[in-house]
Amino acid sequence: MSETATEPGAGPAFRVATLADVPALVELVESAYRGEASKAGWTTEAHLLDGQRTDATDVAEAVQHPEGVVLLVERDGEPIACCQLARRPDSAYFGMFSVRPTLQGGGIGRLVLAEAERMAREEWGVGRLEMNVVEQRGDLIAWYERRGFRRTGVYSPFPYGDERFGIPRRPDLRFELLTKELKQA
């Protein structure tokens, strides 16, 4: 994995998250998607879902996944972004993508996505990223489409009744599978 400079005031630094990072990762993910803090950025789901986005158990499982990694991005030692990659037979799953709300729109998300793509392509040898996005998140889907993801029309149900994923504010939520073919460098 490539790393950027880590001196104070330098750009963001990427590293693989450990179990010690779980509390900070949970807070980061929650801040990007749920509650009042999320409203400072554009990735909020607070209009669609109440409750939690993730919890320490789920994040710890992602960190310890035998075929995956959670990338943590820090600036001056503070977590500012993260994503999960999980290796599949012909692809890599991309998820838990979060950028601190007050830093959204400044290019950090593009850097994280580029590093995830590079890792999947160069280190794992896979040619495709896959992800699930709540269908009603048109602005977010459009952001991914501008970065080469394609809508597949393949849907999966939202886990209604399982509050680990949040408390829906509407009855029609579902996920759509998005994919991106990774070009060889």
N, C-alpha and C. Protein backbone atom coordinates (compact mmCIF):
# COMPACT_ATOMS: atom_id res chain seq x y z
N MET A 1 0.84 -1.17 0.00
CA MET A 1 0.00 0.00 0.00
C MET A 1 0.89 1.23 0.00
N SER A 2 0.54 2.19 -0.82
CA SER A 2 1.31 3.43 -0.85
C SER A 2 0.94 4.28 0.34
N GLU A 3 1.91 5.02 0.85
CA GLU A 3 1.64 5.92 1.97
C GLU A 3 2.07 7.31 1.54
N THR A 4 1.36 8.28 2.05
CA THR A 4 1.75 9.65 1.78
C THR A 4 2.53 10.17 2.96
N ALA A 5 3.02 11.39 2.86
CA ALA A 5 3.82 11.98 3.93
C ALA A 5 3.06 11.99 5.25
N THR A 6 3.80 11.87 6.35
CA THR A 6 3.14 11.82 7.64
C THR A 6 3.60 12.94 8.57
N GLU A 7 4.40 13.88 8.10
CA GLU A 7 4.80 14.99 8.97
C GLU A 7 3.61 15.88 9.25
N PRO A 8 3.61 16.57 10.40
CA PRO A 8 2.51 17.48 10.71
C PRO A 8 2.30 18.48 9.58
N GLY A 9 1.05 18.70 9.24
CA GLY A 9 0.73 19.64 8.17
C GLY A 9 0.81 19.03 6.79
N ALA A 10 1.30 17.78 6.69
CA ALA A 10 1.42 17.11 5.40
C ALA A 10 0.06 16.60 4.97
N GLY A 11 0.00 16.03 3.79
CA GLY A 11 -1.24 15.47 3.28
C GLY A 11 -1.67 14.25 4.05
N PRO A 12 -2.77 13.65 3.63
CA PRO A 12 -3.28 12.48 4.35
C PRO A 12 -2.36 11.27 4.21
N ALA A 13 -2.34 10.44 5.24
CA ALA A 13 -1.55 9.22 5.26
C ALA A 13 -2.50 8.03 5.33
N PHE A 14 -2.26 7.03 4.49
CA PHE A 14 -3.06 5.80 4.48
C PHE A 14 -2.35 4.73 5.29
N ARG A 15 -3.14 3.96 6.05
CA ARG A 15 -2.60 2.79 6.72
C ARG A 15 -3.72 1.79 6.93
N VAL A 16 -3.33 0.56 7.21
CA VAL A 16 -4.30 -0.49 7.50
C VAL A 16 -4.74 -0.33 8.95
N ALA A 17 -6.04 -0.32 9.17
CA ALA A 17 -6.59 -0.17 10.52
C ALA A 17 -6.35 -1.43 11.34
N THR A 18 -6.28 -1.24 12.64
CA THR A 18 -6.13 -2.34 13.59
C THR A 18 -7.31 -2.31 14.56
N LEU A 19 -7.38 -3.31 15.42
CA LEU A 19 -8.45 -3.33 16.41
C LEU A 19 -8.42 -2.10 17.32
N ALA A 20 -7.26 -1.55 17.56
CA ALA A 20 -7.16 -0.34 18.39
C ALA A 20 -7.88 0.85 17.75
N ASP A 21 -8.09 0.80 16.44
CA ASP A 21 -8.75 1.89 15.71
C ASP A 21 -10.27 1.78 15.69
N VAL A 22 -10.82 0.67 16.19
CA VAL A 22 -12.27 0.44 16.07
C VAL A 22 -13.11 1.58 16.63
N PRO A 23 -12.86 2.07 17.85
CA PRO A 23 -13.70 3.17 18.35
C PRO A 23 -13.67 4.41 17.44
N ALA A 24 -12.49 4.78 16.97
CA ALA A 24 -12.37 5.94 16.09
C ALA A 24 -13.07 5.70 14.75
N LEU A 25 -13.00 4.48 14.24
CA LEU A 25 -13.68 4.15 12.98
C LEU A 25 -15.19 4.22 13.13
N VAL A 26 -15.71 3.69 14.23
CA VAL A 26 -17.16 3.75 14.46
C VAL A 26 -17.60 5.21 14.50
N GLU A 27 -16.88 6.03 15.24
CA GLU A 27 -17.23 7.45 15.34
C GLU A 27 -17.16 8.13 13.98
N LEU A 28 -16.16 7.83 13.19
CA LEU A 28 -16.00 8.43 11.87
C LEU A 28 -17.16 8.05 10.96
N VAL A 29 -17.48 6.76 10.90
CA VAL A 29 -18.57 6.29 10.04
C VAL A 29 -19.90 6.91 10.48
N GLU A 30 -20.16 6.89 11.77
CA GLU A 30 -21.40 7.47 12.28
C GLU A 30 -21.48 8.95 11.93
N SER A 31 -20.38 9.68 12.07
CA SER A 31 -20.39 11.12 11.80
C SER A 31 -20.65 11.42 10.34
N ALA A 32 -20.27 10.52 9.46
CA ALA A 32 -20.45 10.76 8.02
C ALA A 32 -21.86 10.49 7.54
N TYR A 33 -22.62 9.66 8.27
CA TYR A 33 -23.91 9.22 7.74
C TYR A 33 -25.12 9.48 8.62
N ARG A 34 -24.95 9.56 9.93
CA ARG A 34 -26.11 9.64 10.81
C ARG A 34 -25.98 10.78 11.81
N GLY A 35 -27.12 11.24 12.26
CA GLY A 35 -27.17 12.23 13.32
C GLY A 35 -26.82 13.63 12.87
N GLU A 36 -26.75 14.53 13.82
CA GLU A 36 -26.51 15.95 13.54
C GLU A 36 -25.16 16.19 12.88
N ALA A 37 -24.12 15.51 13.34
CA ALA A 37 -22.78 15.72 12.78
C ALA A 37 -22.77 15.45 11.28
N SER A 38 -23.54 14.47 10.82
CA SER A 38 -23.54 14.11 9.40
C SER A 38 -24.10 15.22 8.52
N LYS A 39 -24.92 16.09 9.08
CA LYS A 39 -25.55 17.15 8.29
C LYS A 39 -24.57 18.23 7.85
N ALA A 40 -23.35 18.21 8.40
CA ALA A 40 -22.31 19.14 7.97
C ALA A 40 -21.74 18.74 6.61
N GLY A 41 -21.97 17.50 6.20
CA GLY A 41 -21.47 17.01 4.91
C GLY A 41 -22.64 16.66 4.01
N TRP A 42 -22.33 16.14 2.83
CA TRP A 42 -23.39 15.82 1.87
C TRP A 42 -23.72 14.33 1.82
N THR A 43 -23.00 13.50 2.57
CA THR A 43 -23.25 12.06 2.53
C THR A 43 -24.25 11.59 3.57
N THR A 44 -24.86 12.51 4.29
CA THR A 44 -25.79 12.14 5.35
C THR A 44 -26.93 11.26 4.85
N GLU A 45 -27.30 10.31 5.69
CA GLU A 45 -28.49 9.49 5.44
C GLU A 45 -29.56 9.80 6.48
N ALA A 46 -29.36 10.87 7.25
CA ALA A 46 -30.25 11.19 8.36
C ALA A 46 -31.69 11.41 7.90
N HIS A 47 -31.90 11.78 6.65
CA HIS A 47 -33.26 11.96 6.13
C HIS A 47 -33.92 10.62 5.79
N LEU A 48 -33.13 9.55 5.70
CA LEU A 48 -33.65 8.23 5.36
C LEU A 48 -33.66 7.27 6.54
N LEU A 49 -32.70 7.43 7.44
CA LEU A 49 -32.51 6.47 8.52
C LEU A 49 -32.14 7.15 9.82
N ASP A 50 -32.71 6.67 10.90
CA ASP A 50 -32.29 7.07 12.24
C ASP A 50 -31.45 5.92 12.80
N GLY A 51 -30.97 6.11 14.02
CA GLY A 51 -30.22 5.04 14.66
C GLY A 51 -28.80 4.97 14.16
N GLN A 52 -28.16 3.84 14.38
CA GLN A 52 -26.74 3.69 14.05
C GLN A 52 -26.53 3.24 12.61
N ARG A 53 -25.35 3.51 12.10
CA ARG A 53 -24.93 3.02 10.79
C ARG A 53 -24.12 1.75 10.94
N THR A 54 -23.34 1.67 12.01
CA THR A 54 -22.50 0.51 12.27
C THR A 54 -22.26 0.42 13.77
N ASP A 55 -21.56 -0.60 14.18
CA ASP A 55 -21.20 -0.71 15.59
C ASP A 55 -19.81 -1.33 15.70
N ALA A 56 -19.30 -1.37 16.92
CA ALA A 56 -17.93 -1.85 17.15
C ALA A 56 -17.75 -3.30 16.71
N THR A 57 -18.77 -4.12 16.88
CA THR A 57 -18.67 -5.53 16.48
C THR A 57 -18.48 -5.65 14.97
N ASP A 58 -19.32 -4.93 14.19
CA ASP A 58 -19.21 -5.00 12.73
C ASP A 58 -17.88 -4.43 12.23
N VAL A 59 -17.44 -3.33 12.83
CA VAL A 59 -16.17 -2.74 12.40
C VAL A 59 -15.00 -3.66 12.76
N ALA A 60 -15.04 -4.26 13.94
CA ALA A 60 -13.97 -5.19 14.32
C ALA A 60 -13.93 -6.39 13.37
N GLU A 61 -15.10 -6.88 12.96
CA GLU A 61 -15.13 -7.98 11.98
C GLU A 61 -14.50 -7.56 10.67
N ALA A 62 -14.77 -6.34 10.22
CA ALA A 62 -14.18 -5.85 8.97
C ALA A 62 -12.66 -5.72 9.11
N VAL A 63 -12.20 -5.21 10.23
CA VAL A 63 -10.76 -5.04 10.47
C VAL A 63 -10.06 -6.40 10.48
N GLN A 64 -10.72 -7.42 11.03
CA GLN A 64 -10.11 -8.75 11.15
C GLN A 64 -10.46 -9.69 10.00
N HIS A 65 -11.19 -9.22 9.02
CA HIS A 65 -11.61 -10.09 7.91
C HIS A 65 -10.39 -10.73 7.27
N PRO A 66 -10.38 -12.06 7.14
CA PRO A 66 -9.18 -12.72 6.60
C PRO A 66 -8.90 -12.41 5.13
N GLU A 67 -9.90 -11.97 4.40
CA GLU A 67 -9.72 -11.63 2.99
C GLU A 67 -10.02 -10.16 2.75
N GLY A 68 -9.72 -9.33 3.74
CA GLY A 68 -10.04 -7.92 3.58
C GLY A 68 -9.14 -7.02 4.39
N VAL A 69 -9.45 -5.74 4.27
CA VAL A 69 -8.68 -4.71 4.95
C VAL A 69 -9.59 -3.49 5.14
N VAL A 70 -9.35 -2.77 6.21
CA VAL A 70 -9.97 -1.46 6.37
C VAL A 70 -8.84 -0.45 6.26
N LEU A 71 -8.95 0.43 5.28
CA LEU A 71 -7.96 1.50 5.11
C LEU A 71 -8.39 2.68 5.95
N LEU A 72 -7.47 3.20 6.73
CA LEU A 72 -7.72 4.37 7.56
C LEU A 72 -6.86 5.49 7.02
N VAL A 73 -7.45 6.65 6.87
CA VAL A 73 -6.73 7.82 6.38
C VAL A 73 -6.66 8.83 7.52
N GLU A 74 -5.44 9.28 7.79
CA GLU A 74 -5.22 10.23 8.87
C GLU A 74 -4.53 11.48 8.36
N ARG A 75 -4.81 12.57 9.03
CA ARG A 75 -4.08 13.82 8.80
C ARG A 75 -3.70 14.33 10.18
N ASP A 76 -2.42 14.58 10.38
CA ASP A 76 -1.90 15.01 11.68
C ASP A 76 -2.34 14.07 12.80
N GLY A 77 -2.38 12.77 12.49
CA GLY A 77 -2.72 11.75 13.48
C GLY A 77 -4.20 11.59 13.76
N GLU A 78 -5.05 12.35 13.10
CA GLU A 78 -6.49 12.28 13.31
C GLU A 78 -7.15 11.53 12.15
N PRO A 79 -8.07 10.59 12.45
CA PRO A 79 -8.78 9.88 11.38
C PRO A 79 -9.69 10.84 10.61
N ILE A 80 -9.55 10.84 9.28
CA ILE A 80 -10.38 11.72 8.46
C ILE A 80 -11.19 10.96 7.42
N ALA A 81 -10.83 9.72 7.14
CA ALA A 81 -11.55 8.93 6.14
C ALA A 81 -11.20 7.46 6.31
N CYS A 82 -12.07 6.61 5.74
CA CYS A 82 -11.80 5.18 5.78
C CYS A 82 -12.61 4.49 4.69
N CYS A 83 -12.25 3.25 4.43
CA CYS A 83 -13.04 2.37 3.56
C CYS A 83 -12.66 0.94 3.86
N GLN A 84 -13.55 0.05 3.50
CA GLN A 84 -13.33 -1.38 3.65
C GLN A 84 -13.18 -1.99 2.27
N LEU A 85 -12.25 -2.90 2.13
CA LEU A 85 -12.12 -3.73 0.93
C LEU A 85 -12.16 -5.18 1.37
N ALA A 86 -12.96 -5.99 0.69
CA ALA A 86 -13.02 -7.42 0.97
C ALA A 86 -12.86 -8.16 -0.35
N ARG A 87 -11.88 -9.03 -0.39
CA ARG A 87 -11.59 -9.78 -1.62
C ARG A 87 -12.65 -10.84 -1.86
N ARG A 88 -13.11 -10.89 -3.10
CA ARG A 88 -14.05 -11.91 -3.56
C ARG A 88 -13.36 -12.64 -4.71
N PRO A 89 -13.94 -13.74 -5.20
CA PRO A 89 -13.25 -14.49 -6.26
C PRO A 89 -12.85 -13.66 -7.48
N ASP A 90 -13.76 -12.83 -7.99
CA ASP A 90 -13.46 -12.07 -9.21
C ASP A 90 -13.54 -10.57 -9.02
N SER A 91 -13.67 -10.13 -7.77
CA SER A 91 -13.85 -8.71 -7.53
C SER A 91 -13.42 -8.38 -6.10
N ALA A 92 -13.59 -7.12 -5.76
CA ALA A 92 -13.39 -6.68 -4.38
C ALA A 92 -14.62 -5.87 -3.98
N TYR A 93 -15.13 -6.13 -2.78
CA TYR A 93 -16.24 -5.36 -2.25
C TYR A 93 -15.68 -4.09 -1.64
N PHE A 94 -16.28 -2.96 -1.94
CA PHE A 94 -15.88 -1.65 -1.43
C PHE A 94 -17.00 -1.14 -0.55
N GLY A 95 -16.71 -0.87 0.71
CA GLY A 95 -17.76 -0.42 1.61
C GLY A 95 -17.20 0.40 2.76
N MET A 96 -18.07 0.75 3.69
CA MET A 96 -17.73 1.53 4.87
C MET A 96 -16.95 2.80 4.51
N PHE A 97 -17.23 3.34 3.34
CA PHE A 97 -16.53 4.51 2.82
C PHE A 97 -17.04 5.76 3.53
N SER A 98 -16.16 6.41 4.24
CA SER A 98 -16.55 7.57 5.04
C SER A 98 -15.48 8.64 5.01
N VAL A 99 -15.92 9.89 4.93
CA VAL A 99 -15.04 11.05 5.02
C VAL A 99 -15.63 11.97 6.08
N ARG A 100 -14.79 12.48 6.95
CA ARG A 100 -15.24 13.41 7.99
C ARG A 100 -16.11 14.48 7.33
N PRO A 101 -17.34 14.73 7.83
CA PRO A 101 -18.28 15.64 7.17
C PRO A 101 -17.73 17.03 6.87
N THR A 102 -16.95 17.58 7.78
CA THR A 102 -16.42 18.93 7.56
C THR A 102 -15.33 18.98 6.49
N LEU A 103 -14.87 17.82 6.04
CA LEU A 103 -13.83 17.75 5.01
C LEU A 103 -14.38 17.25 3.67
N GLN A 104 -15.67 16.91 3.61
CA GLN A 104 -16.25 16.41 2.37
C GLN A 104 -16.24 17.50 1.30
N GLY A 105 -16.05 17.07 0.07
CA GLY A 105 -16.03 18.00 -1.05
C GLY A 105 -14.64 18.55 -1.33
N GLY A 106 -13.64 18.10 -0.58
CA GLY A 106 -12.29 18.62 -0.76
C GLY A 106 -11.33 17.68 -1.46
N GLY A 107 -11.82 16.57 -2.00
CA GLY A 107 -10.98 15.65 -2.76
C GLY A 107 -10.47 14.45 -1.99
N ILE A 108 -10.72 14.38 -0.69
CA ILE A 108 -10.23 13.24 0.09
C ILE A 108 -10.91 11.95 -0.36
N GLY A 109 -12.21 12.00 -0.61
CA GLY A 109 -12.92 10.82 -1.06
C GLY A 109 -12.35 10.26 -2.36
N ARG A 110 -12.01 11.14 -3.28
CA ARG A 110 -11.40 10.68 -4.54
C ARG A 110 -10.07 9.98 -4.29
N LEU A 111 -9.27 10.51 -3.34
CA LEU A 111 -7.99 9.88 -3.00
C LEU A 111 -8.19 8.49 -2.40
N VAL A 112 -9.18 8.37 -1.51
CA VAL A 112 -9.46 7.08 -0.87
C VAL A 112 -9.91 6.07 -1.92
N LEU A 113 -10.83 6.47 -2.77
CA LEU A 113 -11.31 5.57 -3.82
C LEU A 113 -10.16 5.16 -4.74
N ALA A 114 -9.30 6.09 -5.12
CA ALA A 114 -8.16 5.77 -5.98
C ALA A 114 -7.23 4.75 -5.31
N GLU A 115 -6.98 4.91 -4.02
CA GLU A 115 -6.10 3.96 -3.32
C GLU A 115 -6.77 2.59 -3.22
N ALA A 116 -8.06 2.56 -2.96
CA ALA A 116 -8.78 1.28 -2.90
C ALA A 116 -8.72 0.58 -4.25
N GLU A 117 -8.92 1.32 -5.32
CA GLU A 117 -8.84 0.74 -6.67
C GLU A 117 -7.45 0.22 -6.94
N ARG A 118 -6.43 1.00 -6.59
CA ARG A 118 -5.05 0.58 -6.82
C ARG A 118 -4.75 -0.71 -6.05
N MET A 119 -5.16 -0.76 -4.80
CA MET A 119 -4.90 -1.94 -3.98
C MET A 119 -5.59 -3.16 -4.57
N ALA A 120 -6.86 -3.03 -4.93
CA ALA A 120 -7.61 -4.16 -5.48
C ALA A 120 -6.97 -4.65 -6.79
N ARG A 121 -6.58 -3.72 -7.62
CA ARG A 121 -6.02 -4.07 -8.93
C ARG A 121 -4.59 -4.60 -8.81
N GLU A 122 -3.71 -3.85 -8.13
CA GLU A 122 -2.28 -4.18 -8.13
C GLU A 122 -1.90 -5.22 -7.07
N GLU A 123 -2.48 -5.14 -5.89
CA GLU A 123 -2.08 -6.05 -4.83
C GLU A 123 -2.91 -7.32 -4.81
N TRP A 124 -4.17 -7.23 -5.19
CA TRP A 124 -5.04 -8.41 -5.18
C TRP A 124 -5.28 -8.98 -6.56
N GLY A 125 -4.98 -8.24 -7.61
CA GLY A 125 -5.15 -8.72 -8.97
C GLY A 125 -6.59 -8.88 -9.42
N VAL A 126 -7.51 -8.11 -8.83
CA VAL A 126 -8.90 -8.19 -9.25
C VAL A 126 -9.22 -7.04 -10.21
N GLY A 127 -10.19 -7.27 -11.06
CA GLY A 127 -10.50 -6.30 -12.10
C GLY A 127 -11.80 -5.54 -11.90
N ARG A 128 -12.44 -5.72 -10.73
CA ARG A 128 -13.74 -5.04 -10.55
C ARG A 128 -13.98 -4.75 -9.07
N LEU A 129 -14.52 -3.56 -8.81
CA LEU A 129 -15.03 -3.22 -7.49
C LEU A 129 -16.54 -3.36 -7.52
N GLU A 130 -17.12 -3.79 -6.40
CA GLU A 130 -18.57 -3.89 -6.25
C GLU A 130 -18.95 -3.22 -4.94
N MET A 131 -20.11 -2.62 -4.93
CA MET A 131 -20.61 -1.99 -3.72
C MET A 131 -22.13 -1.94 -3.75
N ASN A 132 -22.72 -1.78 -2.58
CA ASN A 132 -24.17 -1.62 -2.46
C ASN A 132 -24.45 -0.23 -1.94
N VAL A 133 -25.39 0.47 -2.59
CA VAL A 133 -25.77 1.82 -2.20
C VAL A 133 -27.29 1.86 -2.07
N VAL A 134 -27.77 2.54 -1.03
CA VAL A 134 -29.21 2.72 -0.88
C VAL A 134 -29.73 3.43 -2.14
N GLU A 135 -30.66 2.80 -2.82
CA GLU A 135 -31.17 3.29 -4.10
C GLU A 135 -31.65 4.74 -4.02
N GLN A 136 -32.21 5.15 -2.91
CA GLN A 136 -32.75 6.48 -2.76
C GLN A 136 -31.67 7.56 -2.60
N ARG A 137 -30.41 7.17 -2.59
CA ARG A 137 -29.30 8.12 -2.48
C ARG A 137 -28.82 8.54 -3.86
N GLY A 138 -29.68 9.19 -4.63
CA GLY A 138 -29.36 9.59 -6.00
C GLY A 138 -28.12 10.44 -6.11
N ASP A 139 -27.90 11.37 -5.17
CA ASP A 139 -26.71 12.22 -5.23
C ASP A 139 -25.44 11.40 -5.05
N LEU A 140 -25.49 10.43 -4.16
CA LEU A 140 -24.33 9.58 -3.92
C LEU A 140 -24.07 8.65 -5.11
N ILE A 141 -25.13 8.07 -5.65
CA ILE A 141 -24.98 7.22 -6.84
C ILE A 141 -24.39 8.02 -7.99
N ALA A 142 -24.85 9.26 -8.18
CA ALA A 142 -24.30 10.12 -9.24
C ALA A 142 -22.81 10.37 -9.03
N TRP A 143 -22.38 10.56 -7.77
CA TRP A 143 -20.96 10.77 -7.48
C TRP A 143 -20.16 9.54 -7.92
N TYR A 144 -20.67 8.35 -7.58
CA TYR A 144 -19.98 7.13 -7.99
C TYR A 144 -19.99 6.95 -9.51
N GLU A 145 -21.08 7.29 -10.15
CA GLU A 145 -21.13 7.19 -11.62
C GLU A 145 -20.09 8.10 -12.27
N ARG A 146 -19.89 9.29 -11.73
CA ARG A 146 -18.87 10.20 -12.28
C ARG A 146 -17.47 9.62 -12.12
N ARG A 147 -17.31 8.65 -11.23
CA ARG A 147 -16.02 8.01 -11.01
C ARG A 147 -15.94 6.63 -11.64
N GLY A 148 -16.84 6.35 -12.56
CA GLY A 148 -16.76 5.13 -13.35
C GLY A 148 -17.60 3.96 -12.90
N PHE A 149 -18.33 4.08 -11.80
CA PHE A 149 -19.22 3.00 -11.38
C PHE A 149 -20.45 2.98 -12.27
N ARG A 150 -21.01 1.79 -12.44
CA ARG A 150 -22.21 1.60 -13.25
C ARG A 150 -23.30 0.97 -12.40
N ARG A 151 -24.51 1.45 -12.61
CA ARG A 151 -25.67 0.83 -11.95
C ARG A 151 -25.94 -0.49 -12.64
N THR A 152 -26.31 -1.50 -11.87
CA THR A 152 -26.54 -2.82 -12.45
C THR A 152 -28.02 -3.18 -12.55
N GLY A 153 -28.88 -2.49 -11.81
CA GLY A 153 -30.28 -2.88 -11.75
C GLY A 153 -30.50 -4.12 -10.89
N VAL A 154 -29.45 -4.53 -10.17
CA VAL A 154 -29.55 -5.67 -9.25
C VAL A 154 -29.79 -5.10 -7.86
N TYR A 155 -30.90 -5.47 -7.26
CA TYR A 155 -31.30 -4.91 -5.98
C TYR A 155 -31.33 -5.98 -4.89
N SER A 156 -31.10 -5.53 -3.67
CA SER A 156 -31.27 -6.39 -2.51
C SER A 156 -32.06 -5.62 -1.47
N PRO A 157 -32.81 -6.32 -0.65
CA PRO A 157 -33.68 -5.63 0.31
C PRO A 157 -32.89 -4.97 1.44
N PHE A 158 -33.44 -3.89 1.94
CA PHE A 158 -32.90 -3.28 3.15
C PHE A 158 -33.29 -4.18 4.33
N PRO A 159 -32.40 -4.37 5.30
CA PRO A 159 -32.71 -5.27 6.42
C PRO A 159 -33.65 -4.63 7.46
N TYR A 160 -34.89 -4.42 7.05
CA TYR A 160 -35.88 -3.87 7.98
C TYR A 160 -35.97 -4.75 9.21
N GLY A 161 -36.10 -4.12 10.37
CA GLY A 161 -36.23 -4.86 11.61
C GLY A 161 -34.90 -5.17 12.28
N ASP A 162 -33.78 -4.95 11.59
CA ASP A 162 -32.46 -5.17 12.19
C ASP A 162 -31.85 -3.79 12.46
N GLU A 163 -32.00 -3.33 13.68
CA GLU A 163 -31.58 -1.97 14.02
C GLU A 163 -30.07 -1.77 13.98
N ARG A 164 -29.30 -2.84 13.77
CA ARG A 164 -27.85 -2.66 13.58
C ARG A 164 -27.57 -1.82 12.34
N PHE A 165 -28.51 -1.78 11.41
CA PHE A 165 -28.32 -1.04 10.16
C PHE A 165 -29.09 0.27 10.16
N GLY A 166 -29.77 0.58 11.24
CA GLY A 166 -30.51 1.82 11.34
C GLY A 166 -32.01 1.57 11.42
N ILE A 167 -32.71 2.65 11.68
CA ILE A 167 -34.16 2.62 11.79
C ILE A 167 -34.72 3.39 10.60
N PRO A 168 -35.29 2.70 9.62
CA PRO A 168 -35.76 3.37 8.40
C PRO A 168 -36.85 4.39 8.68
N ARG A 169 -36.78 5.49 7.95
CA ARG A 169 -37.79 6.54 8.05
C ARG A 169 -38.81 6.44 6.92
N ARG A 170 -38.63 5.45 6.05
CA ARG A 170 -39.57 5.23 4.95
C ARG A 170 -39.60 3.74 4.60
N PRO A 171 -40.67 3.28 3.95
CA PRO A 171 -40.86 1.83 3.75
C PRO A 171 -40.28 1.26 2.46
N ASP A 172 -39.63 2.07 1.63
CA ASP A 172 -39.24 1.60 0.30
C ASP A 172 -37.74 1.52 0.08
N LEU A 173 -36.94 1.45 1.13
CA LEU A 173 -35.49 1.41 0.97
C LEU A 173 -35.03 0.06 0.43
N ARG A 174 -34.04 0.10 -0.43
CA ARG A 174 -33.38 -1.10 -0.92
C ARG A 174 -32.00 -0.69 -1.43
N PHE A 175 -31.15 -1.68 -1.60
CA PHE A 175 -29.79 -1.45 -2.08
C PHE A 175 -29.69 -1.78 -3.56
N GLU A 176 -28.87 -1.00 -4.27
CA GLU A 176 -28.54 -1.36 -5.65
C GLU A 176 -27.05 -1.67 -5.72
N LEU A 177 -26.72 -2.72 -6.46
CA LEU A 177 -25.34 -3.10 -6.68
C LEU A 177 -24.74 -2.19 -7.75
N LEU A 178 -23.61 -1.55 -7.42
CA LEU A 178 -22.85 -0.77 -8.38
C LEU A 178 -21.53 -1.48 -8.63
N THR A 179 -21.02 -1.41 -9.85
CA THR A 179 -19.75 -2.05 -10.17
C THR A 179 -18.87 -1.08 -10.95
N LYS A 180 -17.57 -1.30 -10.84
CA LYS A 180 -16.61 -0.53 -11.61
C LYS A 180 -15.52 -1.46 -12.09
N GLU A 181 -15.31 -1.46 -13.39
CA GLU A 181 -14.21 -2.23 -13.98
C GLU A 181 -12.91 -1.46 -13.74
N LEU A 182 -11.90 -2.16 -13.25
CA LEU A 182 -10.61 -1.52 -12.94
C LEU A 182 -9.66 -1.71 -14.11
N LYS A 183 -9.18 -0.64 -14.63
CA LYS A 183 -8.23 -0.68 -15.74
C LYS A 183 -6.84 -0.98 -15.21
N GLN A 184 -6.11 -1.79 -15.94
CA GLN A 184 -4.73 -2.09 -15.56
C GLN A 184 -3.87 -0.85 -15.79
N ALA A 185 -2.99 -0.60 -14.84
CA ALA A 185 -2.11 0.60 -14.92
C ALA A 185 -1.05 0.41 -15.98
